Each structure stands twice: as structure tokens, then as C-alpha cells.
Amino acid sequence: MRRCGSTPTTPTPKQSRSALEEEGQTGEALRHYQAAVRLDARYAVGRFNLGCLLAKVGRRDEAVAQLQEALRLQPDYPEAKQKLDELNTQSPH
């Protein structure tokens, strides 16, 4: 059992995704976030991160859908709002 305030011994999903991205394994990072969102459909942070990755690989429509869902789940999520606004100002490819 982990004590309160102790450092986790395994990376958090965000740390794992970031490490995978840095290693150029975006596909694997996407699979991790898709799995996280499947496990908890109300995981706004997971949907935000999934949306950011989808945008990064050019899957704009899917990214927009994930960011919209993140905002529906957590309306006071400024990072999701900012990223969604950014995508909406870009012309679709």
C-alpha cells in the first residue's frame, strides 16, 4: 500500500504518454489514452490528452470531438477550451 504523499513507483498515465511521445511512439501513446478513456468515459484529462495527440497526428475531427467531450465533462477546463479554440481557428485539411 502506498503512503499518502509518497512518490508512486510506476509512472502516471501522463508520464507514460509523455515518455512515449518523446521516444517517437505516438501510436503507442494514443493506444494508452484510448484505453484510459475506455476504462473511465468520464476521464476529462484523458480525453484532453487524447485530443491533443490526435491533433498532433492530424486527426483533427477526432481531436475536436475528444476536446468537446472533455469540456462537457469539466466545463471549467481552460486548457481544453484553449486547444479547442486553437483547432477551430485552423482550417480543416
C-alpha atoms as a PDB file:
ATOM      1  CA  MET A   1       0.000   0.000   0.000  1.00  0.00           C
ATOM      2  CA  ARG A   2       1.258   3.465  -0.879  1.00  0.00           C
ATOM      3  CA  ARG A   3       1.502   6.050   1.878  1.00  0.00           C
ATOM      4  CA  CYS A   4      -0.118   9.439   1.404  1.00  0.00           C
ATOM      5  CA  GLY A   5       2.370  11.838  -0.080  1.00  0.00           C
ATOM      6  CA  SER A   6       4.758   9.140  -1.230  1.00  0.00           C
ATOM      7  CA  THR A   7       6.078   9.097  -4.765  1.00  0.00           C
ATOM      8  CA  PRO A   8       4.460   6.480  -6.961  1.00  0.00           C
ATOM      9  CA  THR A   9       6.789   3.748  -8.163  1.00  0.00           C
ATOM     10  CA  THR A  10       5.117   3.454 -11.571  1.00  0.00           C
ATOM     11  CA  PRO A  11       4.651   6.340 -13.962  1.00  0.00           C
ATOM     12  CA  THR A  12       1.287   8.028 -14.170  1.00  0.00           C
ATOM     13  CA  PRO A  13      -0.577   7.784 -17.483  1.00  0.00           C
ATOM     14  CA  LYS A  14       0.542  11.308 -18.375  1.00  0.00           C
ATOM     15  CA  GLN A  15       4.172  10.476 -17.612  1.00  0.00           C
ATOM     16  CA  SER A  16       3.899   7.298 -19.681  1.00  0.00           C
ATOM     17  CA  ARG A  17       2.325   9.151 -22.605  1.00  0.00           C
ATOM     18  CA  SER A  18       4.920  11.905 -22.435  1.00  0.00           C
ATOM     19  CA  ALA A  19       7.755   9.390 -22.357  1.00  0.00           C
ATOM     20  CA  LEU A  20       6.278   7.511 -25.313  1.00  0.00           C
ATOM     21  CA  GLU A  21       5.842  10.760 -27.248  1.00  0.00           C
ATOM     22  CA  GLU A  22       9.421  11.785 -26.543  1.00  0.00           C
ATOM     23  CA  GLU A  23      10.573   8.417 -27.869  1.00  0.00           C
ATOM     24  CA  GLY A  24       8.551   8.947 -31.040  1.00  0.00           C
ATOM     25  CA  GLN A  25       5.992   6.290 -30.115  1.00  0.00           C
ATOM     26  CA  THR A  26       2.910   8.410 -30.678  1.00  0.00           C
ATOM     27  CA  GLY A  27       0.851   5.418 -31.813  1.00  0.00           C
ATOM     28  CA  GLU A  28       1.529   3.630 -28.543  1.00  0.00           C
ATOM     29  CA  ALA A  29       0.738   6.789 -26.571  1.00  0.00           C
ATOM     30  CA  LEU A  30      -2.589   7.076 -28.419  1.00  0.00           C
ATOM     31  CA  ARG A  31      -3.442   3.478 -27.523  1.00  0.00           C
ATOM     32  CA  HIS A  32      -2.718   4.201 -23.848  1.00  0.00           C
ATOM     33  CA  TYR A  33      -5.092   7.162 -23.777  1.00  0.00           C
ATOM     34  CA  GLN A  34      -7.767   5.366 -25.758  1.00  0.00           C
ATOM     35  CA  ALA A  35      -7.601   2.564 -23.201  1.00  0.00           C
ATOM     36  CA  ALA A  36      -7.791   5.032 -20.299  1.00  0.00           C
ATOM     37  CA  VAL A  37     -10.866   6.685 -21.794  1.00  0.00           C
ATOM     38  CA  ARG A  38     -12.488   3.287 -22.380  1.00  0.00           C
ATOM     39  CA  LEU A  39     -11.894   2.393 -18.732  1.00  0.00           C
ATOM     40  CA  ASP A  40     -13.388   5.663 -17.498  1.00  0.00           C
ATOM     41  CA  ALA A  41     -15.509   7.533 -20.024  1.00  0.00           C
ATOM     42  CA  ARG A  42     -15.691  10.474 -17.572  1.00  0.00           C
ATOM     43  CA  TYR A  43     -11.890  10.968 -17.533  1.00  0.00           C
ATOM     44  CA  ALA A  44     -11.730  14.563 -18.794  1.00  0.00           C
ATOM     45  CA  VAL A  45      -7.936  14.804 -18.518  1.00  0.00           C
ATOM     46  CA  GLY A  46      -7.554  11.623 -20.539  1.00  0.00           C
ATOM     47  CA  ARG A  47      -9.885  12.978 -23.202  1.00  0.00           C
ATOM     48  CA  PHE A  48      -7.913  16.242 -23.276  1.00  0.00           C
ATOM     49  CA  ASN A  49      -4.605  14.434 -23.711  1.00  0.00           C
ATOM     50  CA  LEU A  50      -6.077  12.089 -26.301  1.00  0.00           C
ATOM     51  CA  GLY A  51      -7.423  15.111 -28.164  1.00  0.00           C
ATOM     52  CA  CYS A  52      -4.014  16.788 -28.126  1.00  0.00           C
ATOM     53  CA  LEU A  53      -2.326  13.685 -29.501  1.00  0.00           C
ATOM     54  CA  LEU A  54      -4.977  13.237 -32.177  1.00  0.00           C
ATOM     55  CA  ALA A  55      -4.458  16.849 -33.225  1.00  0.00           C
ATOM     56  CA  LYS A  56      -0.703  16.320 -33.315  1.00  0.00           C
ATOM     57  CA  VAL A  57      -1.052  13.437 -35.777  1.00  0.00           C
ATOM     58  CA  GLY A  58      -3.517  15.318 -37.977  1.00  0.00           C
ATOM     59  CA  ARG A  59      -6.743  13.655 -36.859  1.00  0.00           C
ATOM     60  CA  ARG A  60      -8.458  16.994 -36.303  1.00  0.00           C
ATOM     61  CA  ASP A  61     -12.109  15.890 -36.272  1.00  0.00           C
ATOM     62  CA  GLU A  62     -11.423  13.189 -33.688  1.00  0.00           C
ATOM     63  CA  ALA A  63      -9.370  15.662 -31.650  1.00  0.00           C
ATOM     64  CA  VAL A  64     -12.206  18.190 -31.653  1.00  0.00           C
ATOM     65  CA  ALA A  65     -14.668  15.520 -30.509  1.00  0.00           C
ATOM     66  CA  GLN A  66     -12.418  14.494 -27.595  1.00  0.00           C
ATOM     67  CA  LEU A  67     -11.836  18.089 -26.523  1.00  0.00           C
ATOM     68  CA  GLN A  68     -15.547  18.869 -26.696  1.00  0.00           C
ATOM     69  CA  GLU A  69     -16.261  15.850 -24.512  1.00  0.00           C
ATOM     70  CA  ALA A  70     -13.561  16.909 -22.041  1.00  0.00           C
ATOM     71  CA  LEU A  71     -15.255  20.303 -21.776  1.00  0.00           C
ATOM     72  CA  ARG A  72     -18.694  18.741 -21.396  1.00  0.00           C
ATOM     73  CA  LEU A  73     -17.344  16.665 -18.520  1.00  0.00           C
ATOM     74  CA  GLN A  74     -15.392  19.537 -16.967  1.00  0.00           C
ATOM     75  CA  PRO A  75     -16.683  22.917 -18.215  1.00  0.00           C
ATOM     76  CA  ASP A  76     -14.030  24.840 -16.262  1.00  0.00           C
ATOM     77  CA  TYR A  77     -11.105  23.229 -18.118  1.00  0.00           C
ATOM     78  CA  PRO A  78      -9.197  26.197 -19.613  1.00  0.00           C
ATOM     79  CA  GLU A  79      -6.523  24.115 -21.358  1.00  0.00           C
ATOM     80  CA  ALA A  80      -9.161  22.094 -23.207  1.00  0.00           C
ATOM     81  CA  LYS A  81     -11.007  25.280 -24.170  1.00  0.00           C
ATOM     82  CA  GLN A  82      -7.790  26.867 -25.426  1.00  0.00           C
ATOM     83  CA  LYS A  83      -6.819  23.815 -27.512  1.00  0.00           C
ATOM     84  CA  LEU A  84     -10.335  23.534 -28.938  1.00  0.00           C
ATOM     85  CA  ASP A  85     -10.316  27.234 -29.852  1.00  0.00           C
ATOM     86  CA  GLU A  86      -6.911  26.752 -31.487  1.00  0.00           C
ATOM     87  CA  LEU A  87      -8.199  23.847 -33.594  1.00  0.00           C
ATOM     88  CA  ASN A  88     -11.357  25.720 -34.529  1.00  0.00           C
ATOM     89  CA  THR A  89      -9.343  28.663 -35.870  1.00  0.00           C
ATOM     90  CA  GLN A  90      -7.331  26.363 -38.135  1.00  0.00           C
ATOM     91  CA  SER A  91      -8.843  25.421 -41.440  1.00  0.00           C
ATOM     92  CA  PRO A  92      -9.712  21.729 -41.770  1.00  0.00           C
ATOM     93  CA  HIS A  93      -7.378  19.759 -44.033  1.00  0.00           C
END
